[in-house]
Full PDB file with SEQRES, HELIX, SHEET, SSBOND, CRYST1, ORIGX, SCALE, CONECT and MASTER records, all heavy atoms in Angstrom:
SEQRES   1 A   31  GLY TYR THR TYR SER THR TYR CYS MET GLY TRP PHE ARG          
SEQRES   2 A   31  GLN ALA PRO GLY LYS GLY ARG GLU GLY VAL ALA THR ILE          
SEQRES   3 A   31  ALA SER GLY ASP GLY                                          
SHEET    1 AA1 2 CYS A   8  ARG A  13  0                                        
SHEET    2 AA1 2 GLU A  21  ALA A  27 -1                                        
CRYST1    1.000    1.000    1.000  90.00  90.00  90.00 P 1           1          
ORIGX1      1.000000  0.000000  0.000000        0.00000                         
ORIGX2      0.000000  1.000000  0.000000        0.00000                         
ORIGX3      0.000000  0.000000  1.000000        0.00000                         
SCALE1      1.000000  0.000000  0.000000        0.00000                         
SCALE2      0.000000  1.000000  0.000000        0.00000                         
SCALE3      0.000000  0.000000  1.000000        0.00000                         
ATOM      1  N   GLY A   1       0.772  -1.226   0.000  1.00  0.00           N  
ATOM      2  CA  GLY A   1       0.000   0.000   0.000  1.00  0.00           C  
ATOM      3  C   GLY A   1       0.808   1.282   0.000  1.00  0.00           C  
ATOM      4  O   GLY A   1       0.235   2.360   0.142  1.00  0.00           O  
ATOM      5  N   TYR A   2       2.139   1.198  -0.167  1.00  0.00           N  
ATOM      6  CA  TYR A   2       2.987   2.385  -0.160  1.00  0.00           C  
ATOM      7  C   TYR A   2       3.278   2.803  -1.592  1.00  0.00           C  
ATOM      8  O   TYR A   2       3.736   1.995  -2.395  1.00  0.00           O  
ATOM      9  CB  TYR A   2       4.283   2.124   0.588  1.00  0.00           C  
ATOM     10  CG  TYR A   2       5.174   3.335   0.682  1.00  0.00           C  
ATOM     11  CD1 TYR A   2       4.766   4.461   1.387  1.00  0.00           C  
ATOM     12  CD2 TYR A   2       6.419   3.356   0.062  1.00  0.00           C  
ATOM     13  CE1 TYR A   2       5.575   5.578   1.482  1.00  0.00           C  
ATOM     14  CE2 TYR A   2       7.233   4.468   0.154  1.00  0.00           C  
ATOM     15  CZ  TYR A   2       6.809   5.583   0.862  1.00  0.00           C  
ATOM     16  OH  TYR A   2       7.623   6.696   0.951  1.00  0.00           O  
ATOM     17  N   THR A   3       3.058   4.098  -1.903  1.00  0.00           N  
ATOM     18  CA  THR A   3       3.227   4.597  -3.260  1.00  0.00           C  
ATOM     19  C   THR A   3       4.339   5.616  -3.413  1.00  0.00           C  
ATOM     20  O   THR A   3       4.655   5.996  -4.538  1.00  0.00           O  
ATOM     21  CB  THR A   3       1.918   5.213  -3.771  1.00  0.00           C  
ATOM     22  OG1 THR A   3       1.531   6.295  -2.915  1.00  0.00           O  
ATOM     23  CG2 THR A   3       0.805   4.176  -3.809  1.00  0.00           C  
ATOM     24  N   TYR A   4       4.957   6.074  -2.322  1.00  0.00           N  
ATOM     25  CA  TYR A   4       6.035   7.056  -2.405  1.00  0.00           C  
ATOM     26  C   TYR A   4       7.346   6.392  -2.796  1.00  0.00           C  
ATOM     27  O   TYR A   4       7.571   5.210  -2.510  1.00  0.00           O  
ATOM     28  CB  TYR A   4       6.200   7.784  -1.082  1.00  0.00           C  
ATOM     29  CG  TYR A   4       5.091   8.758  -0.744  1.00  0.00           C  
ATOM     30  CD1 TYR A   4       5.121   9.472   0.445  1.00  0.00           C  
ATOM     31  CD2 TYR A   4       4.025   8.960  -1.598  1.00  0.00           C  
ATOM     32  CE1 TYR A   4       4.116  10.362   0.769  1.00  0.00           C  
ATOM     33  CE2 TYR A   4       3.010   9.847  -1.277  1.00  0.00           C  
ATOM     34  CZ  TYR A   4       3.066  10.550  -0.095  1.00  0.00           C  
ATOM     35  OH  TYR A   4       2.060  11.429   0.228  1.00  0.00           O  
ATOM     36  N   SER A   5       8.230   7.177  -3.412  1.00  0.00           N  
ATOM     37  CA  SER A   5       9.526   6.668  -3.843  1.00  0.00           C  
ATOM     38  C   SER A   5      10.659   7.013  -2.884  1.00  0.00           C  
ATOM     39  O   SER A   5      11.747   6.449  -3.002  1.00  0.00           O  
ATOM     40  CB  SER A   5       9.861   7.191  -5.240  1.00  0.00           C  
ATOM     41  OG  SER A   5       9.920   8.608  -5.251  1.00  0.00           O  
ATOM     42  N   THR A   6      10.433   7.922  -1.965  1.00  0.00           N  
ATOM     43  CA  THR A   6      11.448   8.302  -0.989  1.00  0.00           C  
ATOM     44  C   THR A   6      10.906   8.033   0.407  1.00  0.00           C  
ATOM     45  O   THR A   6       9.828   8.510   0.763  1.00  0.00           O  
ATOM     46  CB  THR A   6      11.848   9.777  -1.128  1.00  0.00           C  
ATOM     47  OG1 THR A   6      10.691  10.612  -0.989  1.00  0.00           O  
ATOM     48  CG2 THR A   6      12.462  10.026  -2.507  1.00  0.00           C  
ATOM     49  N   TYR A   7      11.667   7.305   1.206  1.00  0.00           N  
ATOM     50  CA  TYR A   7      11.191   6.889   2.513  1.00  0.00           C  
ATOM     51  C   TYR A   7      12.344   6.315   3.323  1.00  0.00           C  
ATOM     52  O   TYR A   7      13.419   6.045   2.803  1.00  0.00           O  
ATOM     53  CB  TYR A   7      10.104   5.818   2.372  1.00  0.00           C  
ATOM     54  CG  TYR A   7      10.579   4.597   1.617  1.00  0.00           C  
ATOM     55  CD1 TYR A   7      11.204   3.548   2.271  1.00  0.00           C  
ATOM     56  CD2 TYR A   7      10.420   4.518   0.239  1.00  0.00           C  
ATOM     57  CE1 TYR A   7      11.670   2.442   1.569  1.00  0.00           C  
ATOM     58  CE2 TYR A   7      10.877   3.423  -0.471  1.00  0.00           C  
ATOM     59  CZ  TYR A   7      11.499   2.390   0.206  1.00  0.00           C  
ATOM     60  OH  TYR A   7      11.961   1.299  -0.492  1.00  0.00           O  
ATOM     61  N   CYS A   8      12.097   6.130   4.596  1.00  0.00           N  
ATOM     62  CA  CYS A   8      12.950   5.314   5.442  1.00  0.00           C  
ATOM     63  C   CYS A   8      12.100   4.191   6.031  1.00  0.00           C  
ATOM     64  O   CYS A   8      10.919   4.388   6.331  1.00  0.00           O  
ATOM     65  CB  CYS A   8      13.551   6.112   6.599  1.00  0.00           C  
ATOM     66  SG  CYS A   8      14.743   7.372   6.123  1.00  0.00           S  
ATOM     67  N   MET A   9      12.703   3.045   6.206  1.00  0.00           N  
ATOM     68  CA  MET A   9      12.079   1.972   6.960  1.00  0.00           C  
ATOM     69  C   MET A   9      13.006   1.582   8.099  1.00  0.00           C  
ATOM     70  O   MET A   9      14.227   1.600   7.942  1.00  0.00           O  
ATOM     71  CB  MET A   9      11.777   0.764   6.081  1.00  0.00           C  
ATOM     72  CG  MET A   9      10.737   1.049   5.018  1.00  0.00           C  
ATOM     73  SD  MET A   9      10.063  -0.448   4.255  1.00  0.00           S  
ATOM     74  CE  MET A   9       9.037  -1.070   5.604  1.00  0.00           C  
ATOM     75  N   GLY A  10      12.418   1.259   9.223  1.00  0.00           N  
ATOM     76  CA  GLY A  10      13.228   0.953  10.387  1.00  0.00           C  
ATOM     77  C   GLY A  10      12.678  -0.187  11.213  1.00  0.00           C  
ATOM     78  O   GLY A  10      11.508  -0.564  11.093  1.00  0.00           O  
ATOM     79  N   TRP A  11      13.546  -0.731  12.039  1.00  0.00           N  
ATOM     80  CA  TRP A  11      13.182  -1.710  13.044  1.00  0.00           C  
ATOM     81  C   TRP A  11      13.345  -1.076  14.420  1.00  0.00           C  
ATOM     82  O   TRP A  11      14.380  -0.471  14.720  1.00  0.00           O  
ATOM     83  CB  TRP A  11      14.056  -2.961  12.958  1.00  0.00           C  
ATOM     84  CG  TRP A  11      13.762  -3.830  11.780  1.00  0.00           C  
ATOM     85  CD1 TRP A  11      14.426  -3.865  10.592  1.00  0.00           C  
ATOM     86  CD2 TRP A  11      12.723  -4.807  11.681  1.00  0.00           C  
ATOM     87  NE1 TRP A  11      13.870  -4.797   9.754  1.00  0.00           N  
ATOM     88  CE2 TRP A  11      12.823  -5.397  10.400  1.00  0.00           C  
ATOM     89  CE3 TRP A  11      11.726  -5.251  12.545  1.00  0.00           C  
ATOM     90  CZ2 TRP A  11      11.954  -6.405   9.969  1.00  0.00           C  
ATOM     91  CZ3 TRP A  11      10.863  -6.248  12.110  1.00  0.00           C  
ATOM     92  CH2 TRP A  11      10.993  -6.807  10.838  1.00  0.00           C  
ATOM     93  N   PHE A  12      12.331  -1.236  15.238  1.00  0.00           N  
ATOM     94  CA  PHE A  12      12.344  -0.793  16.622  1.00  0.00           C  
ATOM     95  C   PHE A  12      12.036  -1.981  17.513  1.00  0.00           C  
ATOM     96  O   PHE A  12      11.484  -2.984  17.055  1.00  0.00           O  
ATOM     97  CB  PHE A  12      11.307   0.312  16.854  1.00  0.00           C  
ATOM     98  CG  PHE A  12      11.622   1.605  16.154  1.00  0.00           C  
ATOM     99  CD1 PHE A  12      11.412   1.747  14.791  1.00  0.00           C  
ATOM    100  CD2 PHE A  12      12.122   2.685  16.860  1.00  0.00           C  
ATOM    101  CE1 PHE A  12      11.698   2.932  14.141  1.00  0.00           C  
ATOM    102  CE2 PHE A  12      12.409   3.884  16.225  1.00  0.00           C  
ATOM    103  CZ  PHE A  12      12.199   4.007  14.867  1.00  0.00           C  
ATOM    104  N   ARG A  13      12.374  -1.862  18.779  1.00  0.00           N  
ATOM    105  CA  ARG A  13      12.045  -2.923  19.721  1.00  0.00           C  
ATOM    106  C   ARG A  13      11.670  -2.327  21.067  1.00  0.00           C  
ATOM    107  O   ARG A  13      12.080  -1.224  21.418  1.00  0.00           O  
ATOM    108  CB  ARG A  13      13.202  -3.911  19.880  1.00  0.00           C  
ATOM    109  CG  ARG A  13      14.456  -3.333  20.515  1.00  0.00           C  
ATOM    110  CD  ARG A  13      15.586  -4.347  20.473  1.00  0.00           C  
ATOM    111  NE  ARG A  13      16.791  -3.857  21.127  1.00  0.00           N  
ATOM    112  CZ  ARG A  13      17.945  -4.502  21.146  1.00  0.00           C  
ATOM    113  NH1 ARG A  13      18.056  -5.689  20.543  1.00  0.00           N  
ATOM    114  NH2 ARG A  13      18.994  -3.981  21.772  1.00  0.00           N  
ATOM    115  N   GLN A  14      10.885  -3.085  21.809  1.00  0.00           N  
ATOM    116  CA  GLN A  14      10.465  -2.656  23.127  1.00  0.00           C  
ATOM    117  C   GLN A  14      10.440  -3.863  24.056  1.00  0.00           C  
ATOM    118  O   GLN A  14       9.719  -4.829  23.806  1.00  0.00           O  
ATOM    119  CB  GLN A  14       9.093  -1.991  23.093  1.00  0.00           C  
ATOM    120  CG  GLN A  14       8.693  -1.359  24.409  1.00  0.00           C  
ATOM    121  CD  GLN A  14       7.523  -0.410  24.263  1.00  0.00           C  
ATOM    122  OE1 GLN A  14       6.817  -0.424  23.265  1.00  0.00           O  
ATOM    123  NE2 GLN A  14       7.326   0.425  25.259  1.00  0.00           N  
ATOM    124  N   ALA A  15      11.237  -3.791  25.101  1.00  0.00           N  
ATOM    125  CA  ALA A  15      11.290  -4.833  26.106  1.00  0.00           C  
ATOM    126  C   ALA A  15      10.371  -4.471  27.260  1.00  0.00           C  
ATOM    127  O   ALA A  15      10.062  -3.292  27.476  1.00  0.00           O  
ATOM    128  CB  ALA A  15      12.723  -5.018  26.603  1.00  0.00           C  
ATOM    129  N   PRO A  16       9.918  -5.460  28.036  1.00  0.00           N  
ATOM    130  CA  PRO A  16       9.060  -5.164  29.182  1.00  0.00           C  
ATOM    131  C   PRO A  16       9.695  -4.151  30.122  1.00  0.00           C  
ATOM    132  O   PRO A  16      10.857  -4.286  30.501  1.00  0.00           O  
ATOM    133  CB  PRO A  16       8.895  -6.527  29.852  1.00  0.00           C  
ATOM    134  CG  PRO A  16       9.080  -7.512  28.748  1.00  0.00           C  
ATOM    135  CD  PRO A  16      10.133  -6.904  27.870  1.00  0.00           C  
ATOM    136  N   GLY A  17       8.943  -3.126  30.480  1.00  0.00           N  
ATOM    137  CA  GLY A  17       9.422  -2.116  31.399  1.00  0.00           C  
ATOM    138  C   GLY A  17      10.377  -1.102  30.807  1.00  0.00           C  
ATOM    139  O   GLY A  17      10.911  -0.260  31.545  1.00  0.00           O  
ATOM    140  N   LYS A  18      10.610  -1.148  29.514  1.00  0.00           N  
ATOM    141  CA  LYS A  18      11.521  -0.221  28.862  1.00  0.00           C  
ATOM    142  C   LYS A  18      10.810   0.515  27.726  1.00  0.00           C  
ATOM    143  O   LYS A  18       9.779   0.077  27.229  1.00  0.00           O  
ATOM    144  CB  LYS A  18      12.742  -0.955  28.315  1.00  0.00           C  
ATOM    145  CG  LYS A  18      13.574  -1.662  29.365  1.00  0.00           C  
ATOM    146  CD  LYS A  18      14.781  -2.344  28.755  1.00  0.00           C  
ATOM    147  CE  LYS A  18      15.773  -1.339  28.188  1.00  0.00           C  
ATOM    148  NZ  LYS A  18      16.997  -2.003  27.659  1.00  0.00           N  
ATOM    149  N   GLY A  19      11.390   1.629  27.317  1.00  0.00           N  
ATOM    150  CA  GLY A  19      10.844   2.390  26.223  1.00  0.00           C  
ATOM    151  C   GLY A  19      11.205   1.797  24.874  1.00  0.00           C  
ATOM    152  O   GLY A  19      12.017   0.878  24.764  1.00  0.00           O  
ATOM    153  N   ARG A  20      10.585   2.329  23.852  1.00  0.00           N  
ATOM    154  CA  ARG A  20      10.862   1.864  22.504  1.00  0.00           C  
ATOM    155  C   ARG A  20      12.255   2.303  22.069  1.00  0.00           C  
ATOM    156  O   ARG A  20      12.641   3.465  22.240  1.00  0.00           O  
ATOM    157  CB  ARG A  20       9.812   2.408  21.544  1.00  0.00           C  
ATOM    158  CG  ARG A  20       9.870   1.815  20.150  1.00  0.00           C  
ATOM    159  CD  ARG A  20       8.688   2.298  19.315  1.00  0.00           C  
ATOM    160  NE  ARG A  20       7.424   1.903  19.913  1.00  0.00           N  
ATOM    161  CZ  ARG A  20       6.241   2.321  19.479  1.00  0.00           C  
ATOM    162  NH1 ARG A  20       6.168   3.149  18.446  1.00  0.00           N  
ATOM    163  NH2 ARG A  20       5.143   1.914  20.080  1.00  0.00           N  
ATOM    164  N   GLU A  21      12.997   1.384  21.490  1.00  0.00           N  
ATOM    165  CA  GLU A  21      14.382   1.607  21.104  1.00  0.00           C  
ATOM    166  C   GLU A  21      14.555   1.386  19.610  1.00  0.00           C  
ATOM    167  O   GLU A  21      14.137   0.356  19.080  1.00  0.00           O  
ATOM    168  CB  GLU A  21      15.297   0.655  21.875  1.00  0.00           C  
ATOM    169  CG  GLU A  21      16.760   0.725  21.475  1.00  0.00           C  
ATOM    170  CD  GLU A  21      17.593  -0.378  22.095  1.00  0.00           C  
ATOM    171  OE1 GLU A  21      17.015  -1.391  22.524  1.00  0.00           O  
ATOM    172  OE2 GLU A  21      18.831  -0.219  22.158  1.00  0.00           O  
ATOM    173  N   GLY A  22      15.176   2.338  18.935  1.00  0.00           N  
ATOM    174  CA  GLY A  22      15.513   2.148  17.543  1.00  0.00           C  
ATOM    175  C   GLY A  22      16.619   1.125  17.390  1.00  0.00           C  
ATOM    176  O   GLY A  22      17.596   1.132  18.146  1.00  0.00           O  
ATOM    177  N   VAL A  23      16.498   0.256  16.422  1.00  0.00           N  
ATOM    178  CA  VAL A  23      17.452  -0.822  16.193  1.00  0.00           C  
ATOM    179  C   VAL A  23      18.260  -0.582  14.926  1.00  0.00           C  
ATOM    180  O   VAL A  23      19.490  -0.593  14.943  1.00  0.00           O  
ATOM    181  CB  VAL A  23      16.743  -2.182  16.117  1.00  0.00           C  
ATOM    182  CG1 VAL A  23      17.739  -3.293  15.790  1.00  0.00           C  
ATOM    183  CG2 VAL A  23      16.016  -2.475  17.423  1.00  0.00           C  
ATOM    184  N   ALA A  24      17.571  -0.367  13.807  1.00  0.00           N  
ATOM    185  CA  ALA A  24      18.235  -0.178  12.528  1.00  0.00           C  
ATOM    186  C   ALA A  24      17.287   0.521  11.579  1.00  0.00           C  
ATOM    187  O   ALA A  24      16.068   0.396  11.692  1.00  0.00           O  
ATOM    188  CB  ALA A  24      18.688  -1.513  11.933  1.00  0.00           C  
ATOM    189  N   THR A  25      17.840   1.249  10.629  1.00  0.00           N  
ATOM    190  CA  THR A  25      17.025   1.930   9.637  1.00  0.00           C  
ATOM    191  C   THR A  25      17.717   1.876   8.282  1.00  0.00           C  
ATOM    192  O   THR A  25      18.944   1.778   8.200  1.00  0.00           O  
ATOM    193  CB  THR A  25      16.753   3.395  10.044  1.00  0.00           C  
ATOM    194  OG1 THR A  25      15.830   3.995   9.136  1.00  0.00           O  
ATOM    195  CG2 THR A  25      18.041   4.210  10.066  1.00  0.00           C  
ATOM    196  N   ILE A  26      16.926   1.929   7.227  1.00  0.00           N  
ATOM    197  CA  ILE A  26      17.436   1.939   5.867  1.00  0.00           C  
ATOM    198  C   ILE A  26      16.659   2.963   5.067  1.00  0.00           C  
ATOM    199  O   ILE A  26      15.446   3.083   5.203  1.00  0.00           O  
ATOM    200  CB  ILE A  26      17.359   0.533   5.226  1.00  0.00           C  
ATOM    201  CG1 ILE A  26      18.029   0.522   3.851  1.00  0.00           C  
ATOM    202  CG2 ILE A  26      15.920   0.047   5.134  1.00  0.00           C  
ATOM    203  CD1 ILE A  26      18.254  -0.886   3.310  1.00  0.00           C  
ATOM    204  N   ALA A  27      17.367   3.733   4.238  1.00  0.00           N  
ATOM    205  CA  ALA A  27      16.763   4.797   3.451  1.00  0.00           C  
ATOM    206  C   ALA A  27      16.673   4.411   1.986  1.00  0.00           C  
ATOM    207  O   ALA A  27      17.563   3.734   1.446  1.00  0.00           O  
ATOM    208  CB  ALA A  27      17.571   6.085   3.594  1.00  0.00           C  
ATOM    209  N   SER A  28      15.613   4.857   1.342  1.00  0.00           N  
ATOM    210  CA  SER A  28      15.477   4.631  -0.092  1.00  0.00           C  
ATOM    211  C   SER A  28      16.533   5.414  -0.850  1.00  0.00           C  
ATOM    212  O   SER A  28      17.187   6.296  -0.310  1.00  0.00           O  
ATOM    213  CB  SER A  28      14.078   5.039  -0.558  1.00  0.00           C  
ATOM    214  OG  SER A  28      13.891   6.440  -0.405  1.00  0.00           O  
ATOM    215  N   GLY A  29      16.679   5.099  -2.113  1.00  0.00           N  
ATOM    216  CA  GLY A  29      17.665   5.770  -2.948  1.00  0.00           C  
ATOM    217  C   GLY A  29      19.006   5.086  -2.859  1.00  0.00           C  
ATOM    218  O   GLY A  29      19.250   4.089  -3.546  1.00  0.00           O  
ATOM    219  N   ASP A  30      19.887   5.608  -2.009  1.00  0.00           N  
ATOM    220  CA  ASP A  30      21.219   5.031  -1.889  1.00  0.00           C  
ATOM    221  C   ASP A  30      21.269   3.847  -0.933  1.00  0.00           C  
ATOM    222  O   ASP A  30      22.308   3.200  -0.816  1.00  0.00           O  
ATOM    223  CB  ASP A  30      22.242   6.083  -1.473  1.00  0.00           C  
ATOM    224  CG  ASP A  30      21.971   6.696  -0.116  1.00  0.00           C  
ATOM    225  OD1 ASP A  30      21.018   6.271   0.569  1.00  0.00           O  
ATOM    226  OD2 ASP A  30      22.718   7.623   0.269  1.00  0.00           O  
ATOM    227  N   GLY A  31      20.172   3.567  -0.239  1.00  0.00           N  
ATOM    228  CA  GLY A  31      20.125   2.437   0.660  1.00  0.00           C  
ATOM    229  C   GLY A  31      20.972   2.579   1.906  1.00  0.00           C  
ATOM    230  O   GLY A  31      21.389   1.561   2.481  1.00  0.00           O  
TER     231      GLY A  31                                                      
MASTER        0    0    0    0    2    0    0    6  230    1    0    3          
END                                                                             
């Protein structure tokens, strides 16, 4: 359902009792 050509996609994680943490991200274009 995504139609844009420029974007970032990422992985986040959340452990019990902790806040959401960024894990990794990848950007369109140059990757």
